[in-house]
Amino acid sequence: MLSMTDSISSSNSLGGFHPAHLPDAVIDEIRERERGGFVAPPSPPPRLVHGQQVSITRGPFEGRRGLWAGQTTHERERVLLELFLGQRDVPVEVPAADVVSIR
């Protein structure tokens, strides 16, 4: 703890508060996400699951329904659209903001 600098005279007591104890598992999980001195935020849970029915809300495929086939790159998602009178599913990549779940 700091006890003396130009602008800090004392911080040993922390105003009567003590640092919280974290379980070793929490510390280990944080250390696993450390890259080059920085800690990456935890990945959010997926908003869609593989094979889930989705609808495309904008762009050339607006209003089409398909099956979610995964995230391709940052902010893009792959959707399998049934085209050609149902003869085959065609993968298309669209902005993630244009894909919504059909519940």
PDB file of N, CA and C in Angstrom:
ATOM      1  N   MET A   1       0.832  -1.178   0.000  1.00  0.00           N
ATOM      2  CA  MET A   1       0.000   0.000   0.000  1.00  0.00           C
ATOM      3  C   MET A   1       0.879   1.244   0.000  1.00  0.00           C
ATOM      4  N   LEU A   2       0.339   2.290  -0.562  1.00  0.00           N
ATOM      5  CA  LEU A   2       1.057   3.559  -0.566  1.00  0.00           C
ATOM      6  C   LEU A   2       1.032   4.168   0.825  1.00  0.00           C
ATOM      7  N   SER A   3       2.136   4.714   1.233  1.00  0.00           N
ATOM      8  CA  SER A   3       2.121   5.420   2.510  1.00  0.00           C
ATOM      9  C   SER A   3       2.509   6.886   2.357  1.00  0.00           C
ATOM     10  N   MET A   4       3.213   7.248   1.242  1.00  0.00           N
ATOM     11  CA  MET A   4       3.571   8.651   1.093  1.00  0.00           C
ATOM     12  C   MET A   4       3.983   8.940  -0.344  1.00  0.00           C
ATOM     13  N   THR A   5       3.358   9.921  -0.961  1.00  0.00           N
ATOM     14  CA  THR A   5       3.778  10.474  -2.248  1.00  0.00           C
ATOM     15  C   THR A   5       3.559  11.977  -2.165  1.00  0.00           C
ATOM     16  N   ASP A   6       3.775  12.668  -3.263  1.00  0.00           N
ATOM     17  CA  ASP A   6       3.575  14.120  -3.262  1.00  0.00           C
ATOM     18  C   ASP A   6       2.138  14.500  -2.922  1.00  0.00           C
ATOM     19  N   SER A   7       1.160  13.720  -3.404  1.00  0.00           N
ATOM     20  CA  SER A   7      -0.229  14.117  -3.190  1.00  0.00           C
ATOM     21  C   SER A   7      -1.033  13.153  -2.319  1.00  0.00           C
ATOM     22  N   ILE A   8      -0.450  12.033  -1.932  1.00  0.00           N
ATOM     23  CA  ILE A   8      -1.156  11.075  -1.082  1.00  0.00           C
ATOM     24  C   ILE A   8      -0.386  10.933   0.217  1.00  0.00           C
ATOM     25  N   SER A   9      -1.048  11.217   1.322  1.00  0.00           N
ATOM     26  CA  SER A   9      -0.348  11.111   2.591  1.00  0.00           C
ATOM     27  C   SER A   9      -0.500   9.727   3.207  1.00  0.00           C
ATOM     28  N   SER A  10      -1.653   9.077   2.981  1.00  0.00           N
ATOM     29  CA  SER A  10      -1.827   7.739   3.524  1.00  0.00           C
ATOM     30  C   SER A  10      -3.047   7.080   2.903  1.00  0.00           C
ATOM     31  N   SER A  11      -2.890   5.817   2.548  1.00  0.00           N
ATOM     32  CA  SER A  11      -4.036   5.049   2.069  1.00  0.00           C
ATOM     33  C   SER A  11      -4.034   3.658   2.692  1.00  0.00           C
ATOM     34  N   ASN A  12      -3.268   3.498   3.757  1.00  0.00           N
ATOM     35  CA  ASN A  12      -3.181   2.194   4.390  1.00  0.00           C
ATOM     36  C   ASN A  12      -4.507   1.723   4.974  1.00  0.00           C
ATOM     37  N   SER A  13      -5.311   2.614   5.470  1.00  0.00           N
ATOM     38  CA  SER A  13      -6.536   2.181   6.136  1.00  0.00           C
ATOM     39  C   SER A  13      -7.695   1.974   5.176  1.00  0.00           C
ATOM     40  N   LEU A  14      -7.669   2.588   3.969  1.00  0.00           N
ATOM     41  CA  LEU A  14      -8.770   2.519   3.006  1.00  0.00           C
ATOM     42  C   LEU A  14     -10.091   2.910   3.649  1.00  0.00           C
ATOM     43  N   GLY A  15     -10.035   3.815   4.585  1.00  0.00           N
ATOM     44  CA  GLY A  15     -11.256   4.290   5.220  1.00  0.00           C
ATOM     45  C   GLY A  15     -11.965   3.220   6.023  1.00  0.00           C
ATOM     46  N   GLY A  16     -11.256   2.261   6.519  1.00  0.00           N
ATOM     47  CA  GLY A  16     -11.872   1.191   7.293  1.00  0.00           C
ATOM     48  C   GLY A  16     -12.355   0.015   6.451  1.00  0.00           C
ATOM     49  N   PHE A  17     -12.284   0.129   5.139  1.00  0.00           N
ATOM     50  CA  PHE A  17     -12.714  -0.963   4.253  1.00  0.00           C
ATOM     51  C   PHE A  17     -11.534  -1.862   3.934  1.00  0.00           C
ATOM     52  N   HIS A  18     -11.831  -3.109   3.677  1.00  0.00           N
ATOM     53  CA  HIS A  18     -10.806  -4.082   3.326  1.00  0.00           C
ATOM     54  C   HIS A  18     -11.125  -4.656   1.957  1.00  0.00           C
ATOM     55  N   PRO A  19     -10.108  -4.991   1.184  1.00  0.00           N
ATOM     56  CA  PRO A  19     -10.364  -5.586  -0.128  1.00  0.00           C
ATOM     57  C   PRO A  19     -11.183  -6.869   0.012  1.00  0.00           C
ATOM     58  N   ALA A  20     -12.047  -7.096  -0.965  1.00  0.00           N
ATOM     59  CA  ALA A  20     -12.875  -8.309  -0.953  1.00  0.00           C
ATOM     60  C   ALA A  20     -12.015  -9.522  -1.264  1.00  0.00           C
ATOM     61  N   HIS A  21     -12.371 -10.635  -0.692  1.00  0.00           N
ATOM     62  CA  HIS A  21     -11.704 -11.905  -0.993  1.00  0.00           C
ATOM     63  C   HIS A  21     -12.407 -12.535  -2.188  1.00  0.00           C
ATOM     64  N   LEU A  22     -11.636 -12.873  -3.207  1.00  0.00           N
ATOM     65  CA  LEU A  22     -12.200 -13.535  -4.384  1.00  0.00           C
ATOM     66  C   LEU A  22     -11.736 -14.984  -4.393  1.00  0.00           C
ATOM     67  N   PRO A  23     -12.642 -15.897  -4.737  1.00  0.00           N
ATOM     68  CA  PRO A  23     -12.247 -17.304  -4.838  1.00  0.00           C
ATOM     69  C   PRO A  23     -11.161 -17.486  -5.903  1.00  0.00           C
ATOM     70  N   ASP A  24     -10.314 -18.474  -5.701  1.00  0.00           N
ATOM     71  CA  ASP A  24      -9.226 -18.738  -6.647  1.00  0.00           C
ATOM     72  C   ASP A  24      -9.745 -18.974  -8.056  1.00  0.00           C
ATOM     73  N   ALA A  25     -10.910 -19.601  -8.200  1.00  0.00           N
ATOM     74  CA  ALA A  25     -11.475 -19.874  -9.522  1.00  0.00           C
ATOM     75  C   ALA A  25     -11.763 -18.574 -10.276  1.00  0.00           C
ATOM     76  N   VAL A  26     -12.201 -17.545  -9.576  1.00  0.00           N
ATOM     77  CA  VAL A  26     -12.471 -16.249 -10.212  1.00  0.00           C
ATOM     78  C   VAL A  26     -11.163 -15.622 -10.683  1.00  0.00           C
ATOM     79  N   ILE A  27     -10.157 -15.654  -9.839  1.00  0.00           N
ATOM     80  CA  ILE A  27      -8.842 -15.114 -10.201  1.00  0.00           C
ATOM     81  C   ILE A  27      -8.276 -15.864 -11.403  1.00  0.00           C
ATOM     82  N   ASP A  28      -8.386 -17.196 -11.408  1.00  0.00           N
ATOM     83  CA  ASP A  28      -7.883 -18.006 -12.516  1.00  0.00           C
ATOM     84  C   ASP A  28      -8.588 -17.653 -13.825  1.00  0.00           C
ATOM     85  N   GLU A  29      -9.906 -17.457 -13.766  1.00  0.00           N
ATOM     86  CA  GLU A  29     -10.679 -17.133 -14.966  1.00  0.00           C
ATOM     87  C   GLU A  29     -10.265 -15.773 -15.521  1.00  0.00           C
ATOM     88  N   ILE A  30     -10.020 -14.817 -14.650  1.00  0.00           N
ATOM     89  CA  ILE A  30      -9.568 -13.497 -15.088  1.00  0.00           C
ATOM     90  C   ILE A  30      -8.174 -13.599 -15.713  1.00  0.00           C
ATOM     91  N   ARG A  31      -7.303 -14.364 -15.107  1.00  0.00           N
ATOM     92  CA  ARG A  31      -5.944 -14.528 -15.647  1.00  0.00           C
ATOM     93  C   ARG A  31      -5.960 -15.201 -17.017  1.00  0.00           C
ATOM     94  N   GLU A  32      -6.891 -16.118 -17.255  1.00  0.00           N
ATOM     95  CA  GLU A  32      -6.983 -16.792 -18.552  1.00  0.00           C
ATOM     96  C   GLU A  32      -7.363 -15.820 -19.664  1.00  0.00           C
ATOM     97  N   ARG A  33      -8.063 -14.736 -19.318  1.00  0.00           N
ATOM     98  CA  ARG A  33      -8.485 -13.753 -20.312  1.00  0.00           C
ATOM     99  C   ARG A  33      -7.474 -12.637 -20.512  1.00  0.00           C
ATOM    100  N   GLU A  34      -6.362 -12.686 -19.760  1.00  0.00           N
ATOM    101  CA  GLU A  34      -5.350 -11.630 -19.858  1.00  0.00           C
ATOM    102  C   GLU A  34      -4.523 -11.822 -21.120  1.00  0.00           C
ATOM    103  N   ARG A  35      -4.395 -10.726 -21.892  1.00  0.00           N
ATOM    104  CA  ARG A  35      -3.614 -10.726 -23.126  1.00  0.00           C
ATOM    105  C   ARG A  35      -2.770  -9.461 -23.146  1.00  0.00           C
ATOM    106  N   GLY A  36      -1.478  -9.603 -23.098  1.00  0.00           N
ATOM    107  CA  GLY A  36      -0.591  -8.457 -23.209  1.00  0.00           C
ATOM    108  C   GLY A  36      -0.791  -7.406 -22.135  1.00  0.00           C
ATOM    109  N   GLY A  37      -1.114  -7.821 -20.937  1.00  0.00           N
ATOM    110  CA  GLY A  37      -1.303  -6.885 -19.839  1.00  0.00           C
ATOM    111  C   GLY A  37      -2.718  -6.351 -19.703  1.00  0.00           C
ATOM    112  N   PHE A  38      -3.607  -6.727 -20.617  1.00  0.00           N
ATOM    113  CA  PHE A  38      -5.001  -6.300 -20.553  1.00  0.00           C
ATOM    114  C   PHE A  38      -5.892  -7.513 -20.380  1.00  0.00           C
ATOM    115  N   VAL A  39      -7.034  -7.321 -19.746  1.00  0.00           N
ATOM    116  CA  VAL A  39      -7.985  -8.414 -19.539  1.00  0.00           C
ATOM    117  C   VAL A  39      -9.166  -8.207 -20.480  1.00  0.00           C
ATOM    118  N   ALA A  40      -9.389  -9.183 -21.351  1.00  0.00           N
ATOM    119  CA  ALA A  40     -10.520  -9.124 -22.280  1.00  0.00           C
ATOM    120  C   ALA A  40     -11.807  -9.367 -21.499  1.00  0.00           C
ATOM    121  N   PRO A  41     -12.890  -8.685 -21.868  1.00  0.00           N
ATOM    122  CA  PRO A  41     -14.154  -8.930 -21.178  1.00  0.00           C
ATOM    123  C   PRO A  41     -14.648 -10.339 -21.487  1.00  0.00           C
ATOM    124  N   PRO A  42     -15.437 -10.930 -20.609  1.00  0.00           N
ATOM    125  CA  PRO A  42     -15.954 -12.269 -20.895  1.00  0.00           C
ATOM    126  C   PRO A  42     -16.871 -12.228 -22.112  1.00  0.00           C
ATOM    127  N   SER A  43     -16.877 -13.309 -22.868  1.00  0.00           N
ATOM    128  CA  SER A  43     -17.748 -13.388 -24.036  1.00  0.00           C
ATOM    129  C   SER A  43     -19.201 -13.468 -23.592  1.00  0.00           C
ATOM    130  N   PRO A  44     -20.071 -12.707 -24.248  1.00  0.00           N
ATOM    131  CA  PRO A  44     -21.482 -12.795 -23.877  1.00  0.00           C
ATOM    132  C   PRO A  44     -22.056 -14.131 -24.332  1.00  0.00           C
ATOM    133  N   PRO A  45     -23.106 -14.595 -23.681  1.00  0.00           N
ATOM    134  CA  PRO A  45     -23.720 -15.833 -24.150  1.00  0.00           C
ATOM    135  C   PRO A  45     -24.288 -15.607 -25.555  1.00  0.00           C
ATOM    136  N   PRO A  46     -24.289 -16.637 -26.379  1.00  0.00           N
ATOM    137  CA  PRO A  46     -24.793 -16.445 -27.738  1.00  0.00           C
ATOM    138  C   PRO A  46     -26.275 -16.056 -27.718  1.00  0.00           C
ATOM    139  N   ARG A  47     -26.643 -15.102 -28.580  1.00  0.00           N
ATOM    140  CA  ARG A  47     -28.041 -14.679 -28.618  1.00  0.00           C
ATOM    141  C   ARG A  47     -28.872 -15.612 -29.482  1.00  0.00           C
ATOM    142  N   LEU A  48     -28.200 -16.375 -30.338  1.00  0.00           N
ATOM    143  CA  LEU A  48     -28.868 -17.348 -31.198  1.00  0.00           C
ATOM    144  C   LEU A  48     -28.125 -18.672 -31.102  1.00  0.00           C
ATOM    145  N   VAL A  49     -28.823 -19.759 -31.393  1.00  0.00           N
ATOM    146  CA  VAL A  49     -28.176 -21.074 -31.390  1.00  0.00           C
ATOM    147  C   VAL A  49     -28.262 -21.665 -32.795  1.00  0.00           C
ATOM    148  N   HIS A  50     -27.296 -22.504 -33.109  1.00  0.00           N
ATOM    149  CA  HIS A  50     -27.223 -23.125 -34.430  1.00  0.00           C
ATOM    150  C   HIS A  50     -28.542 -23.824 -34.761  1.00  0.00           C
ATOM    151  N   GLY A  51     -29.092 -23.531 -35.937  1.00  0.00           N
ATOM    152  CA  GLY A  51     -30.336 -24.153 -36.382  1.00  0.00           C
ATOM    153  C   GLY A  51     -31.600 -23.420 -35.957  1.00  0.00           C
ATOM    154  N   GLN A  52     -31.454 -22.349 -35.190  1.00  0.00           N
ATOM    155  CA  GLN A  52     -32.618 -21.586 -34.720  1.00  0.00           C
ATOM    156  C   GLN A  52     -33.244 -20.825 -35.895  1.00  0.00           C
ATOM    157  N   GLN A  53     -34.579 -20.765 -35.920  1.00  0.00           N
ATOM    158  CA  GLN A  53     -35.269 -20.026 -36.966  1.00  0.00           C
ATOM    159  C   GLN A  53     -35.117 -18.527 -36.741  1.00  0.00           C
ATOM    160  N   VAL A  54     -34.746 -17.815 -37.823  1.00  0.00           N
ATOM    161  CA  VAL A  54     -34.530 -16.374 -37.752  1.00  0.00           C
ATOM    162  C   VAL A  54     -35.226 -15.703 -38.933  1.00  0.00           C
ATOM    163  N   SER A  55     -35.357 -14.393 -38.820  1.00  0.00           N
ATOM    164  CA  SER A  55     -35.893 -13.575 -39.894  1.00  0.00           C
ATOM    165  C   SER A  55     -34.891 -12.465 -40.175  1.00  0.00           C
ATOM    166  N   ILE A  56     -34.787 -12.084 -41.438  1.00  0.00           N
ATOM    167  CA  ILE A  56     -33.894 -10.993 -41.827  1.00  0.00           C
ATOM    168  C   ILE A  56     -34.746  -9.736 -41.946  1.00  0.00           C
ATOM    169  N   THR A  57     -34.326  -8.672 -41.276  1.00  0.00           N
ATOM    170  CA  THR A  57     -35.168  -7.480 -41.151  1.00  0.00           C
ATOM    171  C   THR A  57     -34.834  -6.354 -42.129  1.00  0.00           C
ATOM    172  N   ARG A  58     -33.680  -6.395 -42.788  1.00  0.00           N
ATOM    173  CA  ARG A  58     -33.291  -5.333 -43.727  1.00  0.00           C
ATOM    174  C   ARG A  58     -32.462  -5.908 -44.857  1.00  0.00           C
ATOM    175  N   GLY A  59     -32.321  -5.118 -45.900  1.00  0.00           N
ATOM    176  CA  GLY A  59     -31.459  -5.496 -47.010  1.00  0.00           C
ATOM    177  C   GLY A  59     -32.191  -6.300 -48.061  1.00  0.00           C
ATOM    178  N   PRO A  60     -31.437  -6.875 -49.002  1.00  0.00           N
ATOM    179  CA  PRO A  60     -32.064  -7.592 -50.123  1.00  0.00           C
ATOM    180  C   PRO A  60     -32.850  -8.839 -49.707  1.00  0.00           C
ATOM    181  N   PHE A  61     -32.580  -9.364 -48.531  1.00  0.00           N
ATOM    182  CA  PHE A  61     -33.297 -10.554 -48.058  1.00  0.00           C
ATOM    183  C   PHE A  61     -34.339 -10.211 -46.994  1.00  0.00           C
ATOM    184  N   GLU A  62     -34.695  -8.945 -46.882  1.00  0.00           N
ATOM    185  CA  GLU A  62     -35.676  -8.499 -45.884  1.00  0.00           C
ATOM    186  C   GLU A  62     -36.962  -9.327 -45.982  1.00  0.00           C
ATOM    187  N   GLY A  63     -37.419  -9.782 -44.803  1.00  0.00           N
ATOM    188  CA  GLY A  63     -38.643 -10.568 -44.734  1.00  0.00           C
ATOM    189  C   GLY A  63     -38.448 -12.057 -44.944  1.00  0.00           C
ATOM    190  N   ARG A  64     -37.272 -12.456 -45.382  1.00  0.00           N
ATOM    191  CA  ARG A  64     -37.008 -13.893 -45.588  1.00  0.00           C
ATOM    192  C   ARG A  64     -36.703 -14.547 -44.255  1.00  0.00           C
ATOM    193  N   ARG A  65     -37.107 -15.791 -44.152  1.00  0.00           N
ATOM    194  CA  ARG A  65     -36.831 -16.584 -42.955  1.00  0.00           C
ATOM    195  C   ARG A  65     -35.831 -17.670 -43.295  1.00  0.00           C
ATOM    196  N   GLY A  66     -35.046 -18.022 -42.284  1.00  0.00           N
ATOM    197  CA  GLY A  66     -34.060 -19.059 -42.502  1.00  0.00           C
ATOM    198  C   GLY A  66     -33.605 -19.652 -41.185  1.00  0.00           C
ATOM    199  N   LEU A  67     -32.522 -20.407 -41.248  1.00  0.00           N
ATOM    200  CA  LEU A  67     -31.935 -21.037 -40.070  1.00  0.00           C
ATOM    201  C   LEU A  67     -30.589 -20.387 -39.799  1.00  0.00           C
ATOM    202  N   TRP A  68     -30.372 -20.031 -38.518  1.00  0.00           N
ATOM    203  CA  TRP A  68     -29.108 -19.411 -38.145  1.00  0.00           C
ATOM    204  C   TRP A  68     -28.004 -20.454 -38.221  1.00  0.00           C
ATOM    205  N   ALA A  69     -26.900 -20.096 -38.909  1.00  0.00           N
ATOM    206  CA  ALA A  69     -25.804 -21.043 -39.102  1.00  0.00           C
ATOM    207  C   ALA A  69     -24.502 -20.562 -38.488  1.00  0.00           C
ATOM    208  N   GLY A  70     -24.546 -19.487 -37.694  1.00  0.00           N
ATOM    209  CA  GLY A  70     -23.357 -19.059 -36.978  1.00  0.00           C
ATOM    210  C   GLY A  70     -22.913 -17.660 -37.329  1.00  0.00           C
ATOM    211  N   GLN A  71     -21.962 -17.185 -36.528  1.00  0.00           N
ATOM    212  CA  GLN A  71     -21.372 -15.865 -36.751  1.00  0.00           C
ATOM    213  C   GLN A  71     -20.149 -16.067 -37.629  1.00  0.00           C
ATOM    214  N   THR A  72     -19.997 -15.224 -38.654  1.00  0.00           N
ATOM    215  CA  THR A  72     -18.873 -15.404 -39.572  1.00  0.00           C
ATOM    216  C   THR A  72     -17.702 -14.509 -39.202  1.00  0.00           C
ATOM    217  N   THR A  73     -17.931 -13.227 -39.116  1.00  0.00           N
ATOM    218  CA  THR A  73     -16.908 -12.278 -38.712  1.00  0.00           C
ATOM    219  C   THR A  73     -17.567 -11.285 -37.787  1.00  0.00           C
ATOM    220  N   HIS A  74     -16.811 -10.327 -37.333  1.00  0.00           N
ATOM    221  CA  HIS A  74     -17.351  -9.323 -36.420  1.00  0.00           C
ATOM    222  C   HIS A  74     -18.579  -8.664 -37.042  1.00  0.00           C
ATOM    223  N   GLU A  75     -19.697  -8.778 -36.377  1.00  0.00           N
ATOM    224  CA  GLU A  75     -20.961  -8.152 -36.755  1.00  0.00           C
ATOM    225  C   GLU A  75     -21.583  -8.713 -38.029  1.00  0.00           C
ATOM    226  N   ARG A  76     -21.233  -9.932 -38.427  1.00  0.00           N
ATOM    227  CA  ARG A  76     -21.879 -10.587 -39.579  1.00  0.00           C
ATOM    228  C   ARG A  76     -22.301 -11.984 -39.160  1.00  0.00           C
ATOM    229  N   GLU A  77     -23.423 -12.413 -39.714  1.00  0.00           N
ATOM    230  CA  GLU A  77     -23.949 -13.728 -39.366  1.00  0.00           C
ATOM    231  C   GLU A  77     -24.311 -14.490 -40.626  1.00  0.00           C
ATOM    232  N   ARG A  78     -24.223 -15.807 -40.539  1.00  0.00           N
ATOM    233  CA  ARG A  78     -24.587 -16.670 -41.664  1.00  0.00           C
ATOM    234  C   ARG A  78     -25.975 -17.249 -41.409  1.00  0.00           C
ATOM    235  N   VAL A  79     -26.825 -17.120 -42.415  1.00  0.00           N
ATOM    236  CA  VAL A  79     -28.187 -17.639 -42.346  1.00  0.00           C
ATOM    237  C   VAL A  79     -28.404 -18.541 -43.554  1.00  0.00           C
ATOM    238  N   LEU A  80     -29.016 -19.703 -43.345  1.00  0.00           N
ATOM    239  CA  LEU A  80     -29.366 -20.590 -44.447  1.00  0.00           C
ATOM    240  C   LEU A  80     -30.774 -20.237 -44.895  1.00  0.00           C
ATOM    241  N   LEU A  81     -30.896 -19.762 -46.136  1.00  0.00           N
ATOM    242  CA  LEU A  81     -32.197 -19.411 -46.694  1.00  0.00           C
ATOM    243  C   LEU A  81     -32.660 -20.504 -47.636  1.00  0.00           C
ATOM    244  N   GLU A  82     -33.933 -20.827 -47.579  1.00  0.00           N
ATOM    245  CA  GLU A  82     -34.508 -21.797 -48.496  1.00  0.00           C
ATOM    246  C   GLU A  82     -34.858 -21.056 -49.780  1.00  0.00           C
ATOM    247  N   LEU A  83     -34.139 -21.354 -50.831  1.00  0.00           N
ATOM    248  CA  LEU A  83     -34.355 -20.700 -52.123  1.00  0.00           C
ATOM    249  C   LEU A  83     -34.632 -21.741 -53.199  1.00  0.00           C
ATOM    250  N   PHE A  84     -34.921 -21.277 -54.366  1.00  0.00           N
ATOM    251  CA  PHE A  84     -35.164 -22.155 -55.520  1.00  0.00           C
ATOM    252  C   PHE A  84     -36.305 -23.126 -55.252  1.00  0.00           C
ATOM    253  N   LEU A  85     -37.436 -22.556 -54.801  1.00  0.00           N
ATOM    254  CA  LEU A  85     -38.656 -23.336 -54.525  1.00  0.00           C
ATOM    255  C   LEU A  85     -38.406 -24.477 -53.558  1.00  0.00           C
ATOM    256  N   GLY A  86     -37.562 -24.216 -52.586  1.00  0.00           N
ATOM    257  CA  GLY A  86     -37.313 -25.207 -51.543  1.00  0.00           C
ATOM    258  C   GLY A  86     -36.376 -26.321 -51.950  1.00  0.00           C
ATOM    259  N   GLN A  87     -35.729 -26.176 -53.090  1.00  0.00           N
ATOM    260  CA  GLN A  87     -34.844 -27.225 -53.574  1.00  0.00           C
ATOM    261  C   GLN A  87     -33.533 -27.303 -52.797  1.00  0.00           C
ATOM    262  N   ARG A  88     -33.086 -26.137 -52.284  1.00  0.00           N
ATOM    263  CA  ARG A  88     -31.838 -26.181 -51.523  1.00  0.00           C
ATOM    264  C   ARG A  88     -31.740 -24.975 -50.603  1.00  0.00           C
ATOM    265  N   ASP A  89     -30.953 -25.155 -49.531  1.00  0.00           N
ATOM    266  CA  ASP A  89     -30.667 -24.066 -48.608  1.00  0.00           C
ATOM    267  C   ASP A  89     -29.387 -23.374 -49.071  1.00  0.00           C
ATOM    268  N   VAL A  90     -29.434 -22.054 -49.115  1.00  0.00           N
ATOM    269  CA  VAL A  90     -28.290 -21.275 -49.578  1.00  0.00           C
ATOM    270  C   VAL A  90     -27.783 -20.421 -48.418  1.00  0.00           C
ATOM    271  N   PRO A  91     -26.489 -20.544 -48.082  1.00  0.00           N
ATOM    272  CA  PRO A  91     -25.955 -19.694 -47.001  1.00  0.00           C
ATOM    273  C   PRO A  91     -25.744 -18.266 -47.494  1.00  0.00           C
ATOM    274  N   VAL A  92     -26.205 -17.295 -46.700  1.00  0.00           N
ATOM    275  CA  VAL A  92     -25.966 -15.882 -46.986  1.00  0.00           C
ATOM    276  C   VAL A  92     -25.382 -15.255 -45.732  1.00  0.00           C
ATOM    277  N   GLU A  93     -24.560 -14.233 -45.930  1.00  0.00           N
ATOM    278  CA  GLU A  93     -23.994 -13.491 -44.799  1.00  0.00           C
ATOM    279  C   GLU A  93     -24.633 -12.119 -44.767  1.00  0.00           C
ATOM    280  N   VAL A  94     -25.154 -11.765 -43.593  1.00  0.00           N
ATOM    281  CA  VAL A  94     -25.847 -10.487 -43.421  1.00  0.00           C
ATOM    282  C   VAL A  94     -25.366  -9.828 -42.129  1.00  0.00           C
ATOM    283  N   PRO A  95     -25.560  -8.507 -42.000  1.00  0.00           N
ATOM    284  CA  PRO A  95     -25.187  -7.854 -40.745  1.00  0.00           C
ATOM    285  C   PRO A  95     -25.959  -8.450 -39.567  1.00  0.00           C
ATOM    286  N   ALA A  96     -25.277  -8.628 -38.454  1.00  0.00           N
ATOM    287  CA  ALA A  96     -25.892  -9.232 -37.272  1.00  0.00           C
ATOM    288  C   ALA A  96     -27.117  -8.443 -36.818  1.00  0.00           C
ATOM    289  N   ALA A  97     -27.089  -7.119 -36.979  1.00  0.00           N
ATOM    290  CA  ALA A  97     -28.224  -6.285 -36.549  1.00  0.00           C
ATOM    291  C   ALA A  97     -29.474  -6.552 -37.377  1.00  0.00           C
ATOM    292  N   ASP A  98     -29.335  -7.210 -38.524  1.00  0.00           N
ATOM    293  CA  ASP A  98     -30.473  -7.477 -39.402  1.00  0.00           C
ATOM    294  C   ASP A  98     -31.079  -8.857 -39.192  1.00  0.00           C
ATOM    295  N   VAL A  99     -30.606  -9.600 -38.198  1.00  0.00           N
ATOM    296  CA  VAL A  99     -31.081 -10.958 -37.942  1.00  0.00           C
ATOM    297  C   VAL A  99     -31.780 -11.000 -36.589  1.00  0.00           C
ATOM    298  N   VAL A 100     -33.033 -11.454 -36.593  1.00  0.00           N
ATOM    299  CA  VAL A 100     -33.782 -11.563 -35.334  1.00  0.00           C
ATOM    300  C   VAL A 100     -34.345 -12.971 -35.211  1.00  0.00           C
ATOM    301  N   SER A 101     -34.493 -13.399 -33.965  1.00  0.00           N
ATOM    302  CA  SER A 101     -35.045 -14.708 -33.660  1.00  0.00           C
ATOM    303  C   SER A 101     -36.536 -14.728 -33.935  1.00  0.00           C
ATOM    304  N   ILE A 102     -37.010 -15.852 -34.450  1.00  0.00           N
ATOM    305  CA  ILE A 102     -38.446 -16.088 -34.575  1.00  0.00           C
ATOM    306  C   ILE A 102     -38.827 -16.978 -33.406  1.00  0.00           C
ATOM    307  N   ARG A 103     -39.638 -16.468 -32.518  1.00  0.00           N
ATOM    308  CA  ARG A 103     -39.973 -17.237 -31.315  1.00  0.00           C
ATOM    309  C   ARG A 103     -41.244 -17.997 -31.469  1.00  0.00           C
TER     310      ARG A 103
END
